[in-house]
Amino acid sequence: MSLEPEGRQLELLAAVVNATRAAAIKSGKLPSPVVVVLVHGRPVSFDGTNLPAAGLEGIDAMLAAWRPGEEGGAAIANLLLGDVNPSGKLAQAWQRSVGYIYSPTSPWYQPHSAMTPGKYFGNGDRTPLAPLFPFAHGLSYTTFTFEGLQVDAAGLPSSASGPTLSSLTVNLTINVTNNGTVAGATPVLATYSKTSRGVVRYLQMLCAFTKVYLQPGESRAVKLPVKLSDLARYDPAAILPGGGQGASPSAEVGHGDRRSSAAGDGGRSAYPGAYVVDGGIYNFFAAGCVANNALRDVHHEGDPTCPYHSAIFGASASIGREGDFYGVYL
């Protein structure tokens, strides 16, 4: 029913922030930093506070500890005191309130749209069309930049099916640099979209990821192999090459074929279904934070919802024949 912290915790948070502000005004000094440590098991929203900006103004830092277990206290202390550089990222987008769950900011509701977060508003009250924290958001004591994405799809056969698909890869390479003064680790995420869609799918989908640890000033070319089978979607109307389960052995079934089989099934259509990889042009993107990229291909430098200060670099690759299945597999 709600994504807010239970009980009167938001009232307590507002009281702490307001007390630090009042003390600062009285003393003429800057307010004492307010750091929130969440021990929780789900995403949290702050919509119910009497603070502006979704309850986050006045909070200097937030640590999402989730359910850290018996060593959680030591881990939290090490992170807060800077003995360890945090590198954890959100595995889901945090919505501003439950009302956003069925909005385009939710990864489970992604219409094929060119709407840009921050410029479109949901119900006329100037509520920004953006999540509170996007997927893969997470700050660090250093900063990373990502540039020079290269996509290598050379050597792919004109068609493939079955287990062969899992052995075929599109290789992505991107240069990652630690621009700060502290050593740290960052995930590198690769997503893809298909520019021409015979079947509408999510605007972007995660297809590969890794993590890289870099010393201050260090750069490294990070490789992300993407299995072709990971680009597949399930098609209940696809017939496997050679007939497939439930299809007539006499039916001529070819690459990317859909047809009915009348022999031996009482005249019914036999569509056993399969996972298929659509042929055509694919756009690949790689960075450390997907941010609002679910609704646009490139987010600009200075996007306040993303801690990374470089744009997401995209590159395209041609896979198979446009309008046809590149391959199918069970």
C-alpha atoms as a PDB file:
ATOM      1  CA  MET A   1       0.000   0.000   0.000  1.00  0.00           C
ATOM      2  CA  SER A   2       2.957   2.293   0.543  1.00  0.00           C
ATOM      3  CA  LEU A   3       6.684   2.418  -0.185  1.00  0.00           C
ATOM      4  CA  GLU A   4       7.428   4.780   2.678  1.00  0.00           C
ATOM      5  CA  PRO A   5       9.267   3.697   5.849  1.00  0.00           C
ATOM      6  CA  GLU A   6       6.910   2.221   8.405  1.00  0.00           C
ATOM      7  CA  GLY A   7       5.578   3.966  11.488  1.00  0.00           C
ATOM      8  CA  ARG A   8       6.645   7.533  12.250  1.00  0.00           C
ATOM      9  CA  GLN A   9      10.150   7.291  10.799  1.00  0.00           C
ATOM     10  CA  LEU A  10       9.503  10.019   8.215  1.00  0.00           C
ATOM     11  CA  GLU A  11       8.361  12.349  10.988  1.00  0.00           C
ATOM     12  CA  LEU A  12      11.594  11.599  12.840  1.00  0.00           C
ATOM     13  CA  LEU A  13      13.630  12.300   9.711  1.00  0.00           C
ATOM     14  CA  ALA A  14      11.870  15.619   9.156  1.00  0.00           C
ATOM     15  CA  ALA A  15      12.393  16.561  12.812  1.00  0.00           C
ATOM     16  CA  VAL A  16      16.127  15.843  12.607  1.00  0.00           C
ATOM     17  CA  VAL A  17      16.560  17.893   9.424  1.00  0.00           C
ATOM     18  CA  ASN A  18      14.514  20.795  10.766  1.00  0.00           C
ATOM     19  CA  ALA A  19      16.428  20.739  14.073  1.00  0.00           C
ATOM     20  CA  THR A  20      19.813  20.922  12.302  1.00  0.00           C
ATOM     21  CA  ARG A  21      18.568  23.831  10.211  1.00  0.00           C
ATOM     22  CA  ALA A  22      17.277  25.672  13.272  1.00  0.00           C
ATOM     23  CA  ALA A  23      20.564  25.093  15.115  1.00  0.00           C
ATOM     24  CA  ALA A  24      22.530  26.396  12.122  1.00  0.00           C
ATOM     25  CA  ILE A  25      20.445  29.559  11.931  1.00  0.00           C
ATOM     26  CA  LYS A  26      20.912  30.166  15.649  1.00  0.00           C
ATOM     27  CA  SER A  27      24.661  29.607  15.564  1.00  0.00           C
ATOM     28  CA  GLY A  28      25.296  31.239  12.209  1.00  0.00           C
ATOM     29  CA  LYS A  29      27.147  28.138  11.021  1.00  0.00           C
ATOM     30  CA  LEU A  30      26.417  25.592   8.315  1.00  0.00           C
ATOM     31  CA  PRO A  31      23.943  22.835   9.253  1.00  0.00           C
ATOM     32  CA  SER A  32      25.414  19.594  10.560  1.00  0.00           C
ATOM     33  CA  PRO A  33      25.440  16.858   7.895  1.00  0.00           C
ATOM     34  CA  VAL A  34      22.485  14.460   8.001  1.00  0.00           C
ATOM     35  CA  VAL A  35      23.227  10.912   6.884  1.00  0.00           C
ATOM     36  CA  VAL A  36      20.402   8.372   6.616  1.00  0.00           C
ATOM     37  CA  VAL A  37      21.159   4.656   6.944  1.00  0.00           C
ATOM     38  CA  LEU A  38      18.338   2.452   5.677  1.00  0.00           C
ATOM     39  CA  VAL A  39      18.057  -1.111   6.984  1.00  0.00           C
ATOM     40  CA  HIS A  40      15.289  -2.455   4.812  1.00  0.00           C
ATOM     41  CA  GLY A  41      14.092  -5.147   2.441  1.00  0.00           C
ATOM     42  CA  ARG A  42      12.470  -3.192  -0.389  1.00  0.00           C
ATOM     43  CA  PRO A  43      12.739   0.119  -2.253  1.00  0.00           C
ATOM     44  CA  VAL A  44      11.781   3.126  -0.147  1.00  0.00           C
ATOM     45  CA  SER A  45      10.057   6.398  -1.051  1.00  0.00           C
ATOM     46  CA  PHE A  46       9.973   9.629   0.925  1.00  0.00           C
ATOM     47  CA  ASP A  47       6.779  11.120  -0.417  1.00  0.00           C
ATOM     48  CA  GLY A  48       5.122  11.513   2.974  1.00  0.00           C
ATOM     49  CA  THR A  49       7.570  13.894   4.640  1.00  0.00           C
ATOM     50  CA  ASN A  50       6.950  17.591   5.117  1.00  0.00           C
ATOM     51  CA  LEU A  51      10.259  18.274   3.397  1.00  0.00           C
ATOM     52  CA  PRO A  52      10.417  19.498  -0.207  1.00  0.00           C
ATOM     53  CA  ALA A  53      11.882  17.548  -3.131  1.00  0.00           C
ATOM     54  CA  ALA A  54      10.254  14.250  -2.177  1.00  0.00           C
ATOM     55  CA  GLY A  55      11.631  14.481   1.340  1.00  0.00           C
ATOM     56  CA  LEU A  56      15.290  14.383   0.297  1.00  0.00           C
ATOM     57  CA  GLU A  57      16.265  18.027   0.655  1.00  0.00           C
ATOM     58  CA  GLY A  58      18.370  18.476   3.748  1.00  0.00           C
ATOM     59  CA  ILE A  59      19.761  14.939   3.598  1.00  0.00           C
ATOM     60  CA  ASP A  60      23.467  14.941   2.749  1.00  0.00           C
ATOM     61  CA  ALA A  61      23.908  11.221   2.125  1.00  0.00           C
ATOM     62  CA  MET A  62      21.961   7.995   2.205  1.00  0.00           C
ATOM     63  CA  LEU A  63      23.260   4.455   2.628  1.00  0.00           C
ATOM     64  CA  ALA A  64      20.978   1.602   1.577  1.00  0.00           C
ATOM     65  CA  ALA A  65      22.180  -1.287   3.748  1.00  0.00           C
ATOM     66  CA  TRP A  66      19.263  -3.621   2.958  1.00  0.00           C
ATOM     67  CA  ARG A  67      19.427  -6.609   5.364  1.00  0.00           C
ATOM     68  CA  PRO A  68      23.183  -6.819   5.943  1.00  0.00           C
ATOM     69  CA  GLY A  69      23.316  -9.698   8.445  1.00  0.00           C
ATOM     70  CA  GLU A  70      25.512 -10.142  11.505  1.00  0.00           C
ATOM     71  CA  GLU A  71      28.473  -8.213  10.037  1.00  0.00           C
ATOM     72  CA  GLY A  72      26.248  -5.391   8.874  1.00  0.00           C
ATOM     73  CA  GLY A  73      27.296  -3.008  11.640  1.00  0.00           C
ATOM     74  CA  ALA A  74      30.988  -3.295  10.768  1.00  0.00           C
ATOM     75  CA  ALA A  75      30.247  -2.973   7.045  1.00  0.00           C
ATOM     76  CA  ILE A  76      28.137   0.152   7.566  1.00  0.00           C
ATOM     77  CA  ALA A  77      30.816   1.745   9.760  1.00  0.00           C
ATOM     78  CA  ASN A  78      33.550   1.011   7.226  1.00  0.00           C
ATOM     79  CA  LEU A  79      31.514   2.608   4.450  1.00  0.00           C
ATOM     80  CA  LEU A  80      30.507   5.696   6.440  1.00  0.00           C
ATOM     81  CA  LEU A  81      34.055   6.338   7.684  1.00  0.00           C
ATOM     82  CA  GLY A  82      35.597   5.908   4.230  1.00  0.00           C
ATOM     83  CA  ASP A  83      37.620   2.802   5.037  1.00  0.00           C
ATOM     84  CA  VAL A  84      35.809   1.105   2.127  1.00  0.00           C
ATOM     85  CA  ASN A  85      34.690   2.767  -1.098  1.00  0.00           C
ATOM     86  CA  PRO A  86      31.067   1.794  -1.814  1.00  0.00           C
ATOM     87  CA  SER A  87      30.417   0.183  -5.183  1.00  0.00           C
ATOM     88  CA  GLY A  88      26.954  -1.346  -4.758  1.00  0.00           C
ATOM     89  CA  LYS A  89      24.259  -0.241  -7.194  1.00  0.00           C
ATOM     90  CA  LEU A  90      20.489  -0.503  -7.138  1.00  0.00           C
ATOM     91  CA  ALA A  91      19.116  -3.638  -8.735  1.00  0.00           C
ATOM     92  CA  GLN A  92      15.809  -1.867  -9.371  1.00  0.00           C
ATOM     93  CA  ALA A  93      14.448   1.611  -9.990  1.00  0.00           C
ATOM     94  CA  TRP A  94      13.104   3.319  -6.869  1.00  0.00           C
ATOM     95  CA  GLN A  95       9.841   5.103  -7.595  1.00  0.00           C
ATOM     96  CA  ARG A  96       8.836   8.394  -5.992  1.00  0.00           C
ATOM     97  CA  SER A  97       5.624   6.834  -4.695  1.00  0.00           C
ATOM     98  CA  VAL A  98       3.351   3.877  -5.376  1.00  0.00           C
ATOM     99  CA  GLY A  99       1.550   6.008  -7.956  1.00  0.00           C
ATOM    100  CA  TYR A 100       4.583   5.746 -10.234  1.00  0.00           C
ATOM    101  CA  ILE A 101       4.530   1.950 -10.454  1.00  0.00           C
ATOM    102  CA  TYR A 102       2.358   2.007 -13.594  1.00  0.00           C
ATOM    103  CA  SER A 103       4.085   5.001 -15.135  1.00  0.00           C
ATOM    104  CA  PRO A 104       6.759   5.038 -17.863  1.00  0.00           C
ATOM    105  CA  THR A 105       9.388   5.437 -15.124  1.00  0.00           C
ATOM    106  CA  SER A 106       8.839   1.827 -14.076  1.00  0.00           C
ATOM    107  CA  PRO A 107      10.965  -0.811 -15.847  1.00  0.00           C
ATOM    108  CA  TRP A 108       7.886  -3.052 -15.986  1.00  0.00           C
ATOM    109  CA  TYR A 109       5.949  -0.451 -17.967  1.00  0.00           C
ATOM    110  CA  GLN A 110       8.040   0.854 -20.832  1.00  0.00           C
ATOM    111  CA  PRO A 111       5.962   2.025 -23.782  1.00  0.00           C
ATOM    112  CA  HIS A 112       7.812   2.621 -27.033  1.00  0.00           C
ATOM    113  CA  SER A 113       8.037   6.333 -26.525  1.00  0.00           C
ATOM    114  CA  ALA A 114      10.325   9.302 -27.072  1.00  0.00           C
ATOM    115  CA  MET A 115       9.276  10.963 -23.807  1.00  0.00           C
ATOM    116  CA  THR A 116      12.183  12.592 -22.014  1.00  0.00           C
ATOM    117  CA  PRO A 117      12.179  12.415 -18.200  1.00  0.00           C
ATOM    118  CA  GLY A 118      12.122  15.788 -16.535  1.00  0.00           C
ATOM    119  CA  LYS A 119      10.333  17.482 -19.451  1.00  0.00           C
ATOM    120  CA  TYR A 120       7.029  15.596 -19.364  1.00  0.00           C
ATOM    121  CA  PHE A 121       4.789  15.544 -16.340  1.00  0.00           C
ATOM    122  CA  GLY A 122       2.301  12.879 -15.423  1.00  0.00           C
ATOM    123  CA  ASN A 123      -0.840  14.646 -14.205  1.00  0.00           C
ATOM    124  CA  GLY A 124      -0.413  18.369 -14.702  1.00  0.00           C
ATOM    125  CA  ASP A 125       1.047  19.081 -11.250  1.00  0.00           C
ATOM    126  CA  ARG A 126       4.619  19.362 -12.573  1.00  0.00           C
ATOM    127  CA  THR A 127       5.602  16.051 -11.028  1.00  0.00           C
ATOM    128  CA  PRO A 128       8.715  14.993 -12.971  1.00  0.00           C
ATOM    129  CA  LEU A 129       8.432  11.851 -15.060  1.00  0.00           C
ATOM    130  CA  ALA A 130      11.544  10.278 -13.574  1.00  0.00           C
ATOM    131  CA  PRO A 131      12.227   7.722 -10.851  1.00  0.00           C
ATOM    132  CA  LEU A 132      13.500   8.792  -7.459  1.00  0.00           C
ATOM    133  CA  PHE A 133      16.637   6.702  -8.109  1.00  0.00           C
ATOM    134  CA  PRO A 134      17.138   4.896 -11.437  1.00  0.00           C
ATOM    135  CA  PHE A 135      18.229   1.317 -11.975  1.00  0.00           C
ATOM    136  CA  ALA A 136      21.971   0.869 -11.204  1.00  0.00           C
ATOM    137  CA  HIS A 137      22.178   4.162  -9.305  1.00  0.00           C
ATOM    138  CA  GLY A 138      24.825   4.314  -6.603  1.00  0.00           C
ATOM    139  CA  LEU A 139      27.368   6.915  -5.544  1.00  0.00           C
ATOM    140  CA  SER A 140      31.033   6.420  -4.761  1.00  0.00           C
ATOM    141  CA  TYR A 141      33.913   8.344  -3.208  1.00  0.00           C
ATOM    142  CA  THR A 142      35.338   8.657  -6.712  1.00  0.00           C
ATOM    143  CA  THR A 143      33.977   9.251 -10.220  1.00  0.00           C
ATOM    144  CA  PHE A 144      34.186   7.163 -13.377  1.00  0.00           C
ATOM    145  CA  THR A 145      33.852   8.052 -17.041  1.00  0.00           C
ATOM    146  CA  PHE A 146      32.947   5.770 -19.923  1.00  0.00           C
ATOM    147  CA  GLU A 147      33.874   6.435 -23.533  1.00  0.00           C
ATOM    148  CA  GLY A 148      34.791   4.898 -26.865  1.00  0.00           C
ATOM    149  CA  LEU A 149      32.272   2.074 -27.066  1.00  0.00           C
ATOM    150  CA  GLN A 150      33.073  -0.376 -29.885  1.00  0.00           C
ATOM    151  CA  VAL A 151      30.813  -3.175 -31.124  1.00  0.00           C
ATOM    152  CA  ASP A 152      32.295  -6.138 -32.970  1.00  0.00           C
ATOM    153  CA  ALA A 153      29.747  -8.370 -34.701  1.00  0.00           C
ATOM    154  CA  ALA A 154      32.108  -9.541 -37.436  1.00  0.00           C
ATOM    155  CA  GLY A 155      32.178 -13.190 -38.353  1.00  0.00           C
ATOM    156  CA  LEU A 156      28.573 -13.984 -37.496  1.00  0.00           C
ATOM    157  CA  PRO A 157      27.017 -16.527 -39.874  1.00  0.00           C
ATOM    158  CA  SER A 158      24.044 -15.520 -41.997  1.00  0.00           C
ATOM    159  CA  SER A 159      21.786 -17.809 -39.969  1.00  0.00           C
ATOM    160  CA  ALA A 160      21.973 -20.088 -36.953  1.00  0.00           C
ATOM    161  CA  SER A 161      19.728 -22.108 -34.687  1.00  0.00           C
ATOM    162  CA  GLY A 162      19.781 -24.451 -31.723  1.00  0.00           C
ATOM    163  CA  PRO A 163      22.798 -24.589 -29.375  1.00  0.00           C
ATOM    164  CA  THR A 164      24.908 -22.772 -31.972  1.00  0.00           C
ATOM    165  CA  LEU A 165      23.296 -19.508 -30.911  1.00  0.00           C
ATOM    166  CA  SER A 166      24.768 -19.722 -27.408  1.00  0.00           C
ATOM    167  CA  SER A 167      28.274 -20.025 -28.856  1.00  0.00           C
ATOM    168  CA  LEU A 168      27.916 -16.875 -30.983  1.00  0.00           C
ATOM    169  CA  THR A 169      28.699 -13.506 -29.397  1.00  0.00           C
ATOM    170  CA  VAL A 170      28.702  -9.811 -30.141  1.00  0.00           C
ATOM    171  CA  ASN A 171      31.744  -8.313 -28.405  1.00  0.00           C
ATOM    172  CA  LEU A 172      31.499  -4.870 -26.800  1.00  0.00           C
ATOM    173  CA  THR A 173      34.513  -2.879 -25.599  1.00  0.00           C
ATOM    174  CA  ILE A 174      34.412   0.389 -23.655  1.00  0.00           C
ATOM    175  CA  ASN A 175      37.130   2.453 -21.960  1.00  0.00           C
ATOM    176  CA  VAL A 176      36.551   3.112 -18.240  1.00  0.00           C
ATOM    177  CA  THR A 177      38.576   5.681 -16.273  1.00  0.00           C
ATOM    178  CA  ASN A 178      38.741   6.436 -12.555  1.00  0.00           C
ATOM    179  CA  ASN A 179      38.902  10.241 -12.504  1.00  0.00           C
ATOM    180  CA  GLY A 180      39.010  10.653  -8.732  1.00  0.00           C
ATOM    181  CA  THR A 181      41.617  10.384  -6.011  1.00  0.00           C
ATOM    182  CA  VAL A 182      40.304   7.182  -4.412  1.00  0.00           C
ATOM    183  CA  ALA A 183      40.533   3.633  -5.707  1.00  0.00           C
ATOM    184  CA  GLY A 184      37.174   2.069  -6.386  1.00  0.00           C
ATOM    185  CA  ALA A 185      35.067  -0.390  -8.333  1.00  0.00           C
ATOM    186  CA  THR A 186      32.181   0.204 -10.699  1.00  0.00           C
ATOM    187  CA  PRO A 187      29.848  -2.045 -12.628  1.00  0.00           C
ATOM    188  CA  VAL A 188      29.823  -1.755 -16.404  1.00  0.00           C
ATOM    189  CA  LEU A 189      26.378  -2.404 -17.838  1.00  0.00           C
ATOM    190  CA  ALA A 190      25.482  -3.123 -21.453  1.00  0.00           C
ATOM    191  CA  THR A 191      21.950  -2.688 -22.778  1.00  0.00           C
ATOM    192  CA  TYR A 192      20.487  -3.059 -26.240  1.00  0.00           C
ATOM    193  CA  SER A 193      17.521  -1.919 -28.278  1.00  0.00           C
ATOM    194  CA  LYS A 194      16.303  -2.836 -31.737  1.00  0.00           C
ATOM    195  CA  THR A 195      15.766   0.069 -34.091  1.00  0.00           C
ATOM    196  CA  SER A 196      13.161  -1.680 -36.226  1.00  0.00           C
ATOM    197  CA  ARG A 197      10.648  -3.765 -34.353  1.00  0.00           C
ATOM    198  CA  GLY A 198       8.409  -6.363 -35.904  1.00  0.00           C
ATOM    199  CA  VAL A 199       7.363  -7.107 -32.330  1.00  0.00           C
ATOM    200  CA  VAL A 200       7.320  -4.287 -29.778  1.00  0.00           C
ATOM    201  CA  ARG A 201       9.634  -5.021 -26.868  1.00  0.00           C
ATOM    202  CA  TYR A 202      11.136  -3.013 -24.038  1.00  0.00           C
ATOM    203  CA  LEU A 203      12.876   0.068 -25.293  1.00  0.00           C
ATOM    204  CA  GLN A 204      16.115  -1.164 -23.694  1.00  0.00           C
ATOM    205  CA  MET A 205      17.148  -4.422 -22.076  1.00  0.00           C
ATOM    206  CA  LEU A 206      20.200  -5.433 -20.060  1.00  0.00           C
ATOM    207  CA  CYS A 207      22.313  -7.975 -21.950  1.00  0.00           C
ATOM    208  CA  ALA A 208      25.731  -8.073 -20.206  1.00  0.00           C
ATOM    209  CA  PHE A 209      27.531  -6.717 -17.172  1.00  0.00           C
ATOM    210  CA  THR A 210      30.825  -6.912 -15.344  1.00  0.00           C
ATOM    211  CA  LYS A 211      32.678  -5.055 -12.585  1.00  0.00           C
ATOM    212  CA  VAL A 212      36.044  -3.357 -12.783  1.00  0.00           C
ATOM    213  CA  TYR A 213      38.351  -2.106  -9.988  1.00  0.00           C
ATOM    214  CA  LEU A 214      40.530   0.880 -10.842  1.00  0.00           C
ATOM    215  CA  GLN A 215      43.212   2.858  -9.048  1.00  0.00           C
ATOM    216  CA  PRO A 216      43.034   6.686  -9.156  1.00  0.00           C
ATOM    217  CA  GLY A 217      43.711   7.876 -12.699  1.00  0.00           C
ATOM    218  CA  GLU A 218      43.735   4.342 -14.096  1.00  0.00           C
ATOM    219  CA  SER A 219      41.988   3.516 -17.390  1.00  0.00           C
ATOM    220  CA  ARG A 220      41.087   0.121 -18.757  1.00  0.00           C
ATOM    221  CA  ALA A 221      39.400  -1.268 -21.852  1.00  0.00           C
ATOM    222  CA  VAL A 222      36.564  -3.425 -20.515  1.00  0.00           C
ATOM    223  CA  LYS A 223      35.213  -6.233 -22.692  1.00  0.00           C
ATOM    224  CA  LEU A 224      31.582  -7.355 -22.548  1.00  0.00           C
ATOM    225  CA  PRO A 225      30.703 -10.424 -24.620  1.00  0.00           C
ATOM    226  CA  VAL A 226      26.981 -10.611 -25.406  1.00  0.00           C
ATOM    227  CA  LYS A 227      25.587 -14.040 -26.270  1.00  0.00           C
ATOM    228  CA  LEU A 228      23.265 -13.961 -29.253  1.00  0.00           C
ATOM    229  CA  SER A 229      20.892 -16.233 -27.369  1.00  0.00           C
ATOM    230  CA  ASP A 230      20.505 -13.493 -24.734  1.00  0.00           C
ATOM    231  CA  LEU A 231      18.919 -11.261 -27.391  1.00  0.00           C
ATOM    232  CA  ALA A 232      16.098 -13.734 -27.932  1.00  0.00           C
ATOM    233  CA  ARG A 233      12.394 -13.347 -27.227  1.00  0.00           C
ATOM    234  CA  TYR A 234       9.781 -16.066 -26.887  1.00  0.00           C
ATOM    235  CA  ASP A 235       7.498 -16.431 -29.910  1.00  0.00           C
ATOM    236  CA  PRO A 236       4.572 -18.860 -29.407  1.00  0.00           C
ATOM    237  CA  ALA A 237       3.982 -18.925 -33.171  1.00  0.00           C
ATOM    238  CA  ALA A 238       7.503 -19.928 -34.180  1.00  0.00           C
ATOM    239  CA  ILE A 239       8.198 -23.391 -35.605  1.00  0.00           C
ATOM    240  CA  LEU A 240      11.599 -24.883 -34.978  1.00  0.00           C
ATOM    241  CA  PRO A 241      13.756 -25.888 -37.920  1.00  0.00           C
ATOM    242  CA  GLY A 242      12.986 -29.510 -38.826  1.00  0.00           C
ATOM    243  CA  GLY A 243       9.419 -29.270 -37.615  1.00  0.00           C
ATOM    244  CA  GLY A 244       9.930 -28.933 -33.896  1.00  0.00           C
ATOM    245  CA  GLN A 245       7.868 -30.498 -31.164  1.00  0.00           C
ATOM    246  CA  GLY A 246       4.236 -30.875 -32.197  1.00  0.00           C
ATOM    247  CA  ALA A 247       4.775 -29.952 -35.839  1.00  0.00           C
ATOM    248  CA  SER A 248       4.228 -32.288 -38.741  1.00  0.00           C
ATOM    249  CA  PRO A 249       7.416 -34.000 -40.001  1.00  0.00           C
ATOM    250  CA  SER A 250       6.193 -33.408 -43.539  1.00  0.00           C
ATOM    251  CA  ALA A 251       5.936 -29.653 -43.151  1.00  0.00           C
ATOM    252  CA  GLU A 252       8.657 -27.619 -44.792  1.00  0.00           C
ATOM    253  CA  VAL A 253       9.998 -25.585 -41.948  1.00  0.00           C
ATOM    254  CA  GLY A 254      12.796 -23.156 -42.615  1.00  0.00           C
ATOM    255  CA  HIS A 255      14.733 -20.335 -41.070  1.00  0.00           C
ATOM    256  CA  GLY A 256      12.338 -17.940 -39.318  1.00  0.00           C
ATOM    257  CA  ASP A 257       9.215 -19.703 -40.559  1.00  0.00           C
ATOM    258  CA  ARG A 258       5.636 -19.549 -39.274  1.00  0.00           C
ATOM    259  CA  ARG A 259       3.078 -21.918 -40.723  1.00  0.00           C
ATOM    260  CA  SER A 260       0.415 -24.396 -39.737  1.00  0.00           C
ATOM    261  CA  SER A 261       0.744 -28.146 -39.891  1.00  0.00           C
ATOM    262  CA  ALA A 262      -2.400 -30.069 -40.752  1.00  0.00           C
ATOM    263  CA  ALA A 263      -1.010 -33.605 -40.977  1.00  0.00           C
ATOM    264  CA  GLY A 264      -1.518 -35.809 -37.940  1.00  0.00           C
ATOM    265  CA  ASP A 265      -3.054 -33.156 -35.696  1.00  0.00           C
ATOM    266  CA  GLY A 266      -6.694 -33.290 -36.721  1.00  0.00           C
ATOM    267  CA  GLY A 267      -6.438 -30.198 -38.867  1.00  0.00           C
ATOM    268  CA  ARG A 268      -5.330 -27.941 -36.011  1.00  0.00           C
ATOM    269  CA  SER A 269      -2.467 -25.482 -36.358  1.00  0.00           C
ATOM    270  CA  ALA A 270       0.728 -26.712 -34.754  1.00  0.00           C
ATOM    271  CA  TYR A 271       2.670 -23.829 -33.212  1.00  0.00           C
ATOM    272  CA  PRO A 272       5.061 -25.331 -30.677  1.00  0.00           C
ATOM    273  CA  GLY A 273       6.788 -22.002 -30.014  1.00  0.00           C
ATOM    274  CA  ALA A 274      10.439 -21.181 -29.548  1.00  0.00           C
ATOM    275  CA  TYR A 275      12.844 -18.429 -28.552  1.00  0.00           C
ATOM    276  CA  VAL A 276      13.820 -16.401 -31.586  1.00  0.00           C
ATOM    277  CA  VAL A 277      16.460 -13.759 -32.302  1.00  0.00           C
ATOM    278  CA  ASP A 278      15.050 -11.171 -34.677  1.00  0.00           C
ATOM    279  CA  GLY A 279      17.280 -10.084 -37.514  1.00  0.00           C
ATOM    280  CA  GLY A 280      18.052  -6.431 -38.094  1.00  0.00           C
ATOM    281  CA  ILE A 281      19.940  -3.495 -36.620  1.00  0.00           C
ATOM    282  CA  TYR A 282      20.655  -3.512 -32.886  1.00  0.00           C
ATOM    283  CA  ASN A 283      21.850  -0.528 -30.859  1.00  0.00           C
ATOM    284  CA  PHE A 284      24.128  -1.312 -27.923  1.00  0.00           C
ATOM    285  CA  PHE A 285      24.907   1.015 -25.029  1.00  0.00           C
ATOM    286  CA  ALA A 286      27.376   0.677 -22.168  1.00  0.00           C
ATOM    287  CA  ALA A 287      28.013   2.720 -19.021  1.00  0.00           C
ATOM    288  CA  GLY A 288      27.998   2.415 -15.256  1.00  0.00           C
ATOM    289  CA  CYS A 289      24.445   3.592 -14.733  1.00  0.00           C
ATOM    290  CA  VAL A 290      21.437   3.028 -16.959  1.00  0.00           C
ATOM    291  CA  ALA A 291      19.727   6.026 -15.323  1.00  0.00           C
ATOM    292  CA  ASN A 292      16.763   7.275 -17.320  1.00  0.00           C
ATOM    293  CA  ASN A 293      18.008   5.530 -20.406  1.00  0.00           C
ATOM    294  CA  ALA A 294      14.880   3.377 -20.368  1.00  0.00           C
ATOM    295  CA  LEU A 295      13.096   6.282 -22.045  1.00  0.00           C
ATOM    296  CA  ARG A 296      15.819   7.764 -24.199  1.00  0.00           C
ATOM    297  CA  ASP A 297      18.915   6.511 -25.928  1.00  0.00           C
ATOM    298  CA  VAL A 298      21.413   9.044 -24.640  1.00  0.00           C
ATOM    299  CA  HIS A 299      21.255  11.060 -21.434  1.00  0.00           C
ATOM    300  CA  HIS A 300      23.110  14.328 -21.366  1.00  0.00           C
ATOM    301  CA  GLU A 301      25.988  15.355 -19.190  1.00  0.00           C
ATOM    302  CA  GLY A 302      24.812  16.790 -15.909  1.00  0.00           C
ATOM    303  CA  ASP A 303      21.707  14.600 -15.617  1.00  0.00           C
ATOM    304  CA  PRO A 304      20.898  14.990 -11.881  1.00  0.00           C
ATOM    305  CA  THR A 305      19.562  11.431 -11.617  1.00  0.00           C
ATOM    306  CA  CYS A 306      22.845   9.832 -12.660  1.00  0.00           C
ATOM    307  CA  PRO A 307      26.135  10.058 -10.768  1.00  0.00           C
ATOM    308  CA  TYR A 308      28.177   9.616 -13.941  1.00  0.00           C
ATOM    309  CA  HIS A 309      29.171  12.732 -15.802  1.00  0.00           C
ATOM    310  CA  SER A 310      29.611  11.337 -19.291  1.00  0.00           C
ATOM    311  CA  ALA A 311      26.963  10.459 -21.815  1.00  0.00           C
ATOM    312  CA  ILE A 312      26.096   6.885 -22.627  1.00  0.00           C
ATOM    313  CA  PHE A 313      27.889   5.985 -25.820  1.00  0.00           C
ATOM    314  CA  GLY A 314      25.953   3.863 -28.300  1.00  0.00           C
ATOM    315  CA  ALA A 315      26.973   1.856 -31.341  1.00  0.00           C
ATOM    316  CA  SER A 316      24.972  -0.315 -33.710  1.00  0.00           C
ATOM    317  CA  ALA A 317      25.464  -3.734 -35.268  1.00  0.00           C
ATOM    318  CA  SER A 318      23.634  -5.682 -37.949  1.00  0.00           C
ATOM    319  CA  ILE A 319      22.552  -9.196 -36.978  1.00  0.00           C
ATOM    320  CA  GLY A 320      20.971 -11.487 -39.556  1.00  0.00           C
ATOM    321  CA  ARG A 321      18.361 -10.421 -42.084  1.00  0.00           C
ATOM    322  CA  GLU A 322      15.920  -7.625 -41.398  1.00  0.00           C
ATOM    323  CA  GLY A 323      12.355  -8.850 -40.949  1.00  0.00           C
ATOM    324  CA  ASP A 324      13.431 -12.459 -40.441  1.00  0.00           C
ATOM    325  CA  PHE A 325      14.493 -14.620 -37.556  1.00  0.00           C
ATOM    326  CA  TYR A 326      18.222 -14.819 -37.211  1.00  0.00           C
ATOM    327  CA  GLY A 327      17.813 -18.091 -35.357  1.00  0.00           C
ATOM    328  CA  VAL A 328      15.663 -20.071 -32.954  1.00  0.00           C
ATOM    329  CA  TYR A 329      16.351 -22.365 -30.034  1.00  0.00           C
ATOM    330  CA  LEU A 330      14.465 -24.204 -27.309  1.00  0.00           C
END
